[in-house]
Amino acid sequence: MRTMWTVRGNALHKIFSFQDFRTAFEFMQEVAVVAEQLNHHPNWTNCYNVVEFNLSTHEANNSITKKDYQLSEAIDSIWLNFSS
């Protein structure tokens, strides 16, 4: 089941769960490559098999911008490779 991003404060928020830490870390590595390409780096946390994102744009006073929606779409695309 695919969950939607929610707005929490001034950020797009979503939590992803994986089978184990290694898989969560592999997901984060793939997201890191795309974030570098987009020059938009996420605020995220990882605890064992859970990765939590809060996306906002620092240059726009930490508000949600087009950059955040672009990165969230990229993250969802990466997630498809891990959720099958």
PDB file of N, CA and C in Angstrom:
ATOM      1  N   MET A   1       0.837  -1.177   0.000  1.00  0.00           N
ATOM      2  CA  MET A   1       0.000   0.000   0.000  1.00  0.00           C
ATOM      3  C   MET A   1       0.889   1.249   0.000  1.00  0.00           C
ATOM      4  N   ARG A   2       0.540   2.191  -0.825  1.00  0.00           N
ATOM      5  CA  ARG A   2       1.311   3.421  -0.950  1.00  0.00           C
ATOM      6  C   ARG A   2       0.682   4.510  -0.094  1.00  0.00           C
ATOM      7  N   THR A   3       1.475   5.095   0.794  1.00  0.00           N
ATOM      8  CA  THR A   3       0.966   6.165   1.636  1.00  0.00           C
ATOM      9  C   THR A   3       1.346   7.506   1.041  1.00  0.00           C
ATOM     10  N   MET A   4       0.583   8.510   1.374  1.00  0.00           N
ATOM     11  CA  MET A   4       0.804   9.851   0.856  1.00  0.00           C
ATOM     12  C   MET A   4       1.708  10.636   1.810  1.00  0.00           C
ATOM     13  N   TRP A   5       2.334  11.639   1.262  1.00  0.00           N
ATOM     14  CA  TRP A   5       3.072  12.596   2.074  1.00  0.00           C
ATOM     15  C   TRP A   5       2.051  13.476   2.779  1.00  0.00           C
ATOM     16  N   THR A   6       2.319  13.833   4.010  1.00  0.00           N
ATOM     17  CA  THR A   6       1.445  14.740   4.751  1.00  0.00           C
ATOM     18  C   THR A   6       2.210  16.028   5.033  1.00  0.00           C
ATOM     19  N   VAL A   7       1.466  17.073   5.291  1.00  0.00           N
ATOM     20  CA  VAL A   7       2.091  18.338   5.681  1.00  0.00           C
ATOM     21  C   VAL A   7       2.101  18.381   7.194  1.00  0.00           C
ATOM     22  N   ARG A   8       3.290  18.545   7.736  1.00  0.00           N
ATOM     23  CA  ARG A   8       3.472  18.614   9.182  1.00  0.00           C
ATOM     24  C   ARG A   8       4.274  19.877   9.475  1.00  0.00           C
ATOM     25  N   GLY A   9       3.619  20.856  10.051  1.00  0.00           N
ATOM     26  CA  GLY A   9       4.287  22.140  10.231  1.00  0.00           C
ATOM     27  C   GLY A   9       4.518  22.749   8.862  1.00  0.00           C
ATOM     28  N   ASN A  10       5.747  23.101   8.571  1.00  0.00           N
ATOM     29  CA  ASN A  10       6.114  23.644   7.263  1.00  0.00           C
ATOM     30  C   ASN A  10       6.948  22.648   6.471  1.00  0.00           C
ATOM     31  N   ALA A  11       6.584  21.371   6.524  1.00  0.00           N
ATOM     32  CA  ALA A  11       7.375  20.350   5.833  1.00  0.00           C
ATOM     33  C   ALA A  11       6.481  19.234   5.320  1.00  0.00           C
ATOM     34  N   LEU A  12       6.953  18.589   4.260  1.00  0.00           N
ATOM     35  CA  LEU A  12       6.324  17.353   3.798  1.00  0.00           C
ATOM     36  C   LEU A  12       6.889  16.225   4.647  1.00  0.00           C
ATOM     37  N   HIS A  13       6.023  15.360   5.136  1.00  0.00           N
ATOM     38  CA  HIS A  13       6.432  14.329   6.077  1.00  0.00           C
ATOM     39  C   HIS A  13       5.985  12.954   5.583  1.00  0.00           C
ATOM     40  N   LYS A  14       6.881  11.977   5.759  1.00  0.00           N
ATOM     41  CA  LYS A  14       6.531  10.597   5.433  1.00  0.00           C
ATOM     42  C   LYS A  14       7.490   9.652   6.143  1.00  0.00           C
ATOM     43  N   ILE A  15       6.976   8.490   6.515  1.00  0.00           N
ATOM     44  CA  ILE A  15       7.763   7.447   7.177  1.00  0.00           C
ATOM     45  C   ILE A  15       7.757   6.197   6.303  1.00  0.00           C
ATOM     46  N   PHE A  16       8.932   5.622   6.134  1.00  0.00           N
ATOM     47  CA  PHE A  16       9.098   4.383   5.375  1.00  0.00           C
ATOM     48  C   PHE A  16       9.648   3.309   6.304  1.00  0.00           C
ATOM     49  N   SER A  17       9.108   2.101   6.212  1.00  0.00           N
ATOM     50  CA  SER A  17       9.585   0.975   7.024  1.00  0.00           C
ATOM     51  C   SER A  17      10.128  -0.121   6.112  1.00  0.00           C
ATOM     52  N   PHE A  18      11.178  -0.785   6.588  1.00  0.00           N
ATOM     53  CA  PHE A  18      11.866  -1.806   5.810  1.00  0.00           C
ATOM     54  C   PHE A  18      12.001  -3.082   6.631  1.00  0.00           C
ATOM     55  N   GLN A  19      12.458  -4.140   5.985  1.00  0.00           N
ATOM     56  CA  GLN A  19      12.590  -5.416   6.680  1.00  0.00           C
ATOM     57  C   GLN A  19      13.726  -5.421   7.694  1.00  0.00           C
ATOM     58  N   ASP A  20      14.747  -4.581   7.457  1.00  0.00           N
ATOM     59  CA  ASP A  20      15.889  -4.550   8.369  1.00  0.00           C
ATOM     60  C   ASP A  20      16.689  -3.266   8.166  1.00  0.00           C
ATOM     61  N   PHE A  21      17.693  -3.068   9.000  1.00  0.00           N
ATOM     62  CA  PHE A  21      18.524  -1.868   8.943  1.00  0.00           C
ATOM     63  C   PHE A  21      19.269  -1.751   7.620  1.00  0.00           C
ATOM     64  N   ARG A  22      19.812  -2.847   7.169  1.00  0.00           N
ATOM     65  CA  ARG A  22      20.603  -2.822   5.933  1.00  0.00           C
ATOM     66  C   ARG A  22      19.783  -2.322   4.747  1.00  0.00           C
ATOM     67  N   THR A  23      18.557  -2.792   4.628  1.00  0.00           N
ATOM     68  CA  THR A  23      17.692  -2.367   3.532  1.00  0.00           C
ATOM     69  C   THR A  23      17.332  -0.890   3.670  1.00  0.00           C
ATOM     70  N   ALA A  24      17.053  -0.447   4.885  1.00  0.00           N
ATOM     71  CA  ALA A  24      16.763   0.969   5.117  1.00  0.00           C
ATOM     72  C   ALA A  24      17.959   1.820   4.714  1.00  0.00           C
ATOM     73  N   PHE A  25      19.153   1.379   5.047  1.00  0.00           N
ATOM     74  CA  PHE A  25      20.352   2.128   4.714  1.00  0.00           C
ATOM     75  C   PHE A  25      20.593   2.156   3.208  1.00  0.00           C
ATOM     76  N   GLU A  26      20.332   1.056   2.525  1.00  0.00           N
ATOM     77  CA  GLU A  26      20.466   1.020   1.064  1.00  0.00           C
ATOM     78  C   GLU A  26      19.500   2.014   0.418  1.00  0.00           C
ATOM     79  N   PHE A  27      18.283   2.087   0.940  1.00  0.00           N
ATOM     80  CA  PHE A  27      17.297   3.063   0.468  1.00  0.00           C
ATOM     81  C   PHE A  27      17.834   4.477   0.655  1.00  0.00           C
ATOM     82  N   MET A  28      18.388   4.752   1.819  1.00  0.00           N
ATOM     83  CA  MET A  28      18.923   6.074   2.103  1.00  0.00           C
ATOM     84  C   MET A  28      20.083   6.415   1.160  1.00  0.00           C
ATOM     85  N   GLN A  29      20.894   5.438   0.844  1.00  0.00           N
ATOM     86  CA  GLN A  29      22.004   5.684  -0.085  1.00  0.00           C
ATOM     87  C   GLN A  29      21.479   6.090  -1.459  1.00  0.00           C
ATOM     88  N   GLU A  30      20.436   5.432  -1.920  1.00  0.00           N
ATOM     89  CA  GLU A  30      19.866   5.778  -3.226  1.00  0.00           C
ATOM     90  C   GLU A  30      19.222   7.156  -3.185  1.00  0.00           C
ATOM     91  N   VAL A  31      18.545   7.476  -2.098  1.00  0.00           N
ATOM     92  CA  VAL A  31      17.956   8.807  -1.956  1.00  0.00           C
ATOM     93  C   VAL A  31      19.056   9.866  -1.942  1.00  0.00           C
ATOM     94  N   ALA A  32      20.168   9.584  -1.284  1.00  0.00           N
ATOM     95  CA  ALA A  32      21.269  10.545  -1.206  1.00  0.00           C
ATOM     96  C   ALA A  32      21.799  10.907  -2.588  1.00  0.00           C
ATOM     97  N   VAL A  33      21.896   9.942  -3.478  1.00  0.00           N
ATOM     98  CA  VAL A  33      22.381  10.200  -4.834  1.00  0.00           C
ATOM     99  C   VAL A  33      21.435  11.157  -5.551  1.00  0.00           C
ATOM    100  N   VAL A  34      20.142  10.910  -5.455  1.00  0.00           N
ATOM    101  CA  VAL A  34      19.156  11.768  -6.122  1.00  0.00           C
ATOM    102  C   VAL A  34      19.124  13.154  -5.476  1.00  0.00           C
ATOM    103  N   ALA A  35      19.216  13.212  -4.163  1.00  0.00           N
ATOM    104  CA  ALA A  35      19.214  14.502  -3.467  1.00  0.00           C
ATOM    105  C   ALA A  35      20.388  15.357  -3.931  1.00  0.00           C
ATOM    106  N   GLU A  36      21.542  14.736  -4.123  1.00  0.00           N
ATOM    107  CA  GLU A  36      22.704  15.464  -4.639  1.00  0.00           C
ATOM    108  C   GLU A  36      22.440  15.981  -6.045  1.00  0.00           C
ATOM    109  N   GLN A  37      21.841  15.141  -6.884  1.00  0.00           N
ATOM    110  CA  GLN A  37      21.537  15.554  -8.258  1.00  0.00           C
ATOM    111  C   GLN A  37      20.576  16.741  -8.276  1.00  0.00           C
ATOM    112  N   LEU A  38      19.607  16.736  -7.365  1.00  0.00           N
ATOM    113  CA  LEU A  38      18.631  17.819  -7.290  1.00  0.00           C
ATOM    114  C   LEU A  38      19.146  19.011  -6.481  1.00  0.00           C
ATOM    115  N   ASN A  39      20.291  18.830  -5.847  1.00  0.00           N
ATOM    116  CA  ASN A  39      20.847  19.845  -4.940  1.00  0.00           C
ATOM    117  C   ASN A  39      19.817  20.267  -3.899  1.00  0.00           C
ATOM    118  N   HIS A  40      19.157  19.257  -3.336  1.00  0.00           N
ATOM    119  CA  HIS A  40      18.145  19.491  -2.310  1.00  0.00           C
ATOM    120  C   HIS A  40      18.229  18.347  -1.306  1.00  0.00           C
ATOM    121  N   HIS A  41      18.716  18.647  -0.124  1.00  0.00           N
ATOM    122  CA  HIS A  41      19.075  17.603   0.835  1.00  0.00           C
ATOM    123  C   HIS A  41      18.017  17.488   1.923  1.00  0.00           C
ATOM    124  N   PRO A  42      17.562  16.273   2.176  1.00  0.00           N
ATOM    125  CA  PRO A  42      16.449  16.082   3.104  1.00  0.00           C
ATOM    126  C   PRO A  42      16.861  16.173   4.576  1.00  0.00           C
ATOM    127  N   ASN A  43      15.896  16.527   5.371  1.00  0.00           N
ATOM    128  CA  ASN A  43      16.004  16.378   6.820  1.00  0.00           C
ATOM    129  C   ASN A  43      15.391  15.008   7.090  1.00  0.00           C
ATOM    130  N   TRP A  44      16.204  14.065   7.529  1.00  0.00           N
ATOM    131  CA  TRP A  44      15.711  12.697   7.723  1.00  0.00           C
ATOM    132  C   TRP A  44      16.349  12.074   8.951  1.00  0.00           C
ATOM    133  N   THR A  45      15.675  11.056   9.438  1.00  0.00           N
ATOM    134  CA  THR A  45      16.207  10.273  10.548  1.00  0.00           C
ATOM    135  C   THR A  45      16.075   8.799  10.205  1.00  0.00           C
ATOM    136  N   ASN A  46      16.902   8.008  10.845  1.00  0.00           N
ATOM    137  CA  ASN A  46      16.869   6.563  10.668  1.00  0.00           C
ATOM    138  C   ASN A  46      17.019   5.911  12.018  1.00  0.00           C
ATOM    139  N   CYS A  47      16.107   5.019  12.327  1.00  0.00           N
ATOM    140  CA  CYS A  47      16.203   4.203  13.530  1.00  0.00           C
ATOM    141  C   CYS A  47      15.903   2.771  13.121  1.00  0.00           C
ATOM    142  N   TYR A  48      16.922   1.944  13.121  1.00  0.00           N
ATOM    143  CA  TYR A  48      16.901   0.559  12.695  1.00  0.00           C
ATOM    144  C   TYR A  48      16.292   0.429  11.302  1.00  0.00           C
ATOM    145  N   ASN A  49      15.020   0.035  11.183  1.00  0.00           N
ATOM    146  CA  ASN A  49      14.423  -0.212   9.867  1.00  0.00           C
ATOM    147  C   ASN A  49      13.452   0.881   9.432  1.00  0.00           C
ATOM    148  N   VAL A  50      13.467   2.013  10.084  1.00  0.00           N
ATOM    149  CA  VAL A  50      12.529   3.098   9.791  1.00  0.00           C
ATOM    150  C   VAL A  50      13.302   4.347   9.354  1.00  0.00           C
ATOM    151  N   VAL A  51      12.854   4.940   8.245  1.00  0.00           N
ATOM    152  CA  VAL A  51      13.420   6.193   7.751  1.00  0.00           C
ATOM    153  C   VAL A  51      12.280   7.212   7.706  1.00  0.00           C
ATOM    154  N   GLU A  52      12.500   8.345   8.362  1.00  0.00           N
ATOM    155  CA  GLU A  52      11.481   9.393   8.443  1.00  0.00           C
ATOM    156  C   GLU A  52      12.011  10.659   7.777  1.00  0.00           C
ATOM    157  N   PHE A  53      11.184  11.256   6.917  1.00  0.00           N
ATOM    158  CA  PHE A  53      11.553  12.464   6.185  1.00  0.00           C
ATOM    159  C   PHE A  53      10.697  13.645   6.607  1.00  0.00           C
ATOM    160  N   ASN A  54      11.326  14.817   6.646  1.00  0.00           N
ATOM    161  CA  ASN A  54      10.649  16.100   6.766  1.00  0.00           C
ATOM    162  C   ASN A  54      11.307  17.005   5.735  1.00  0.00           C
ATOM    163  N   LEU A  55      10.597  17.279   4.643  1.00  0.00           N
ATOM    164  CA  LEU A  55      11.166  18.034   3.540  1.00  0.00           C
ATOM    165  C   LEU A  55      10.684  19.474   3.563  1.00  0.00           C
ATOM    166  N   SER A  56      11.632  20.401   3.595  1.00  0.00           N
ATOM    167  CA  SER A  56      11.343  21.824   3.445  1.00  0.00           C
ATOM    168  C   SER A  56      12.565  22.471   2.811  1.00  0.00           C
ATOM    169  N   THR A  57      12.398  23.688   2.330  1.00  0.00           N
ATOM    170  CA  THR A  57      13.475  24.371   1.631  1.00  0.00           C
ATOM    171  C   THR A  57      14.057  25.448   2.526  1.00  0.00           C
ATOM    172  N   HIS A  58      15.305  25.271   2.899  1.00  0.00           N
ATOM    173  CA  HIS A  58      15.963  26.200   3.818  1.00  0.00           C
ATOM    174  C   HIS A  58      16.028  27.608   3.242  1.00  0.00           C
ATOM    175  N   GLU A  59      16.312  27.715   1.942  1.00  0.00           N
ATOM    176  CA  GLU A  59      16.437  29.029   1.307  1.00  0.00           C
ATOM    177  C   GLU A  59      15.113  29.780   1.253  1.00  0.00           C
ATOM    178  N   ALA A  60      14.006  29.085   1.472  1.00  0.00           N
ATOM    179  CA  ALA A  60      12.673  29.695   1.442  1.00  0.00           C
ATOM    180  C   ALA A  60      12.092  29.739   2.858  1.00  0.00           C
ATOM    181  N   ASN A  61      12.950  30.053   3.821  1.00  0.00           N
ATOM    182  CA  ASN A  61      12.536  30.139   5.236  1.00  0.00           C
ATOM    183  C   ASN A  61      11.884  28.854   5.730  1.00  0.00           C
ATOM    184  N   ASN A  62      12.475  27.727   5.319  1.00  0.00           N
ATOM    185  CA  ASN A  62      11.988  26.405   5.749  1.00  0.00           C
ATOM    186  C   ASN A  62      10.513  26.181   5.443  1.00  0.00           C
ATOM    187  N   SER A  63      10.102  26.595   4.260  1.00  0.00           N
ATOM    188  CA  SER A  63       8.737  26.324   3.824  1.00  0.00           C
ATOM    189  C   SER A  63       8.772  25.286   2.706  1.00  0.00           C
ATOM    190  N   ILE A  64       7.614  24.808   2.319  1.00  0.00           N
ATOM    191  CA  ILE A  64       7.504  23.795   1.272  1.00  0.00           C
ATOM    192  C   ILE A  64       7.516  24.491  -0.087  1.00  0.00           C
ATOM    193  N   THR A  65       8.393  24.006  -0.966  1.00  0.00           N
ATOM    194  CA  THR A  65       8.493  24.569  -2.313  1.00  0.00           C
ATOM    195  C   THR A  65       8.451  23.444  -3.348  1.00  0.00           C
ATOM    196  N   LYS A  66       8.539  23.846  -4.606  1.00  0.00           N
ATOM    197  CA  LYS A  66       8.576  22.887  -5.710  1.00  0.00           C
ATOM    198  C   LYS A  66       9.700  21.871  -5.532  1.00  0.00           C
ATOM    199  N   LYS A  67      10.829  22.313  -4.987  1.00  0.00           N
ATOM    200  CA  LYS A  67      11.960  21.408  -4.753  1.00  0.00           C
ATOM    201  C   LYS A  67      11.570  20.239  -3.849  1.00  0.00           C
ATOM    202  N   ASP A  68      10.754  20.528  -2.848  1.00  0.00           N
ATOM    203  CA  ASP A  68      10.345  19.476  -1.910  1.00  0.00           C
ATOM    204  C   ASP A  68       9.427  18.466  -2.587  1.00  0.00           C
ATOM    205  N   TYR A  69       8.529  18.969  -3.432  1.00  0.00           N
ATOM    206  CA  TYR A  69       7.653  18.051  -4.162  1.00  0.00           C
ATOM    207  C   TYR A  69       8.452  17.211  -5.152  1.00  0.00           C
ATOM    208  N   GLN A  70       9.459  17.792  -5.809  1.00  0.00           N
ATOM    209  CA  GLN A  70      10.310  17.034  -6.723  1.00  0.00           C
ATOM    210  C   GLN A  70      11.052  15.934  -5.981  1.00  0.00           C
ATOM    211  N   LEU A  71      11.617  16.269  -4.834  1.00  0.00           N
ATOM    212  CA  LEU A  71      12.353  15.267  -4.072  1.00  0.00           C
ATOM    213  C   LEU A  71      11.417  14.198  -3.524  1.00  0.00           C
ATOM    214  N   SER A  72      10.241  14.582  -3.073  1.00  0.00           N
ATOM    215  CA  SER A  72       9.294  13.577  -2.551  1.00  0.00           C
ATOM    216  C   SER A  72       8.886  12.596  -3.648  1.00  0.00           C
ATOM    217  N   GLU A  73       8.696  13.091  -4.866  1.00  0.00           N
ATOM    218  CA  GLU A  73       8.360  12.194  -5.984  1.00  0.00           C
ATOM    219  C   GLU A  73       9.515  11.252  -6.285  1.00  0.00           C
ATOM    220  N   ALA A  74      10.727  11.761  -6.233  1.00  0.00           N
ATOM    221  CA  ALA A  74      11.899  10.915  -6.466  1.00  0.00           C
ATOM    222  C   ALA A  74      12.026   9.851  -5.376  1.00  0.00           C
ATOM    223  N   ILE A  75      11.785  10.242  -4.147  1.00  0.00           N
ATOM    224  CA  ILE A  75      11.851   9.285  -3.027  1.00  0.00           C
ATOM    225  C   ILE A  75      10.803   8.196  -3.211  1.00  0.00           C
ATOM    226  N   ASP A  76       9.595   8.576  -3.601  1.00  0.00           N
ATOM    227  CA  ASP A  76       8.547   7.578  -3.845  1.00  0.00           C
ATOM    228  C   ASP A  76       8.939   6.623  -4.969  1.00  0.00           C
ATOM    229  N   SER A  77       9.592   7.128  -6.004  1.00  0.00           N
ATOM    230  CA  SER A  77      10.046   6.260  -7.100  1.00  0.00           C
ATOM    231  C   SER A  77      11.090   5.266  -6.620  1.00  0.00           C
ATOM    232  N   ILE A  78      12.011   5.729  -5.796  1.00  0.00           N
ATOM    233  CA  ILE A  78      13.019   4.835  -5.230  1.00  0.00           C
ATOM    234  C   ILE A  78      12.354   3.785  -4.351  1.00  0.00           C
ATOM    235  N   TRP A  79      11.373   4.198  -3.562  1.00  0.00           N
ATOM    236  CA  TRP A  79      10.653   3.305  -2.664  1.00  0.00           C
ATOM    237  C   TRP A  79      10.029   2.141  -3.441  1.00  0.00           C
ATOM    238  N   LEU A  80       9.553   2.395  -4.647  1.00  0.00           N
ATOM    239  CA  LEU A  80       8.935   1.327  -5.452  1.00  0.00           C
ATOM    240  C   LEU A  80       9.887   0.159  -5.683  1.00  0.00           C
ATOM    241  N   ASN A  81      11.178   0.458  -5.791  1.00  0.00           N
ATOM    242  CA  ASN A  81      12.169  -0.606  -5.972  1.00  0.00           C
ATOM    243  C   ASN A  81      12.365  -1.443  -4.719  1.00  0.00           C
ATOM    244  N   PHE A  82      12.045  -0.877  -3.567  1.00  0.00           N
ATOM    245  CA  PHE A  82      12.243  -1.575  -2.303  1.00  0.00           C
ATOM    246  C   PHE A  82      10.968  -2.233  -1.777  1.00  0.00           C
ATOM    247  N   SER A  83       9.836  -1.810  -2.276  1.00  0.00           N
ATOM    248  CA  SER A  83       8.572  -2.302  -1.721  1.00  0.00           C
ATOM    249  C   SER A  83       8.019  -3.502  -2.476  1.00  0.00           C
ATOM    250  N   SER A  84       8.669  -3.880  -3.563  1.00  0.00           N
ATOM    251  CA  SER A  84       8.138  -5.012  -4.341  1.00  0.00           C
ATOM    252  C   SER A  84       8.696  -6.332  -3.892  1.00  0.00           C
TER     253      SER A  84
END
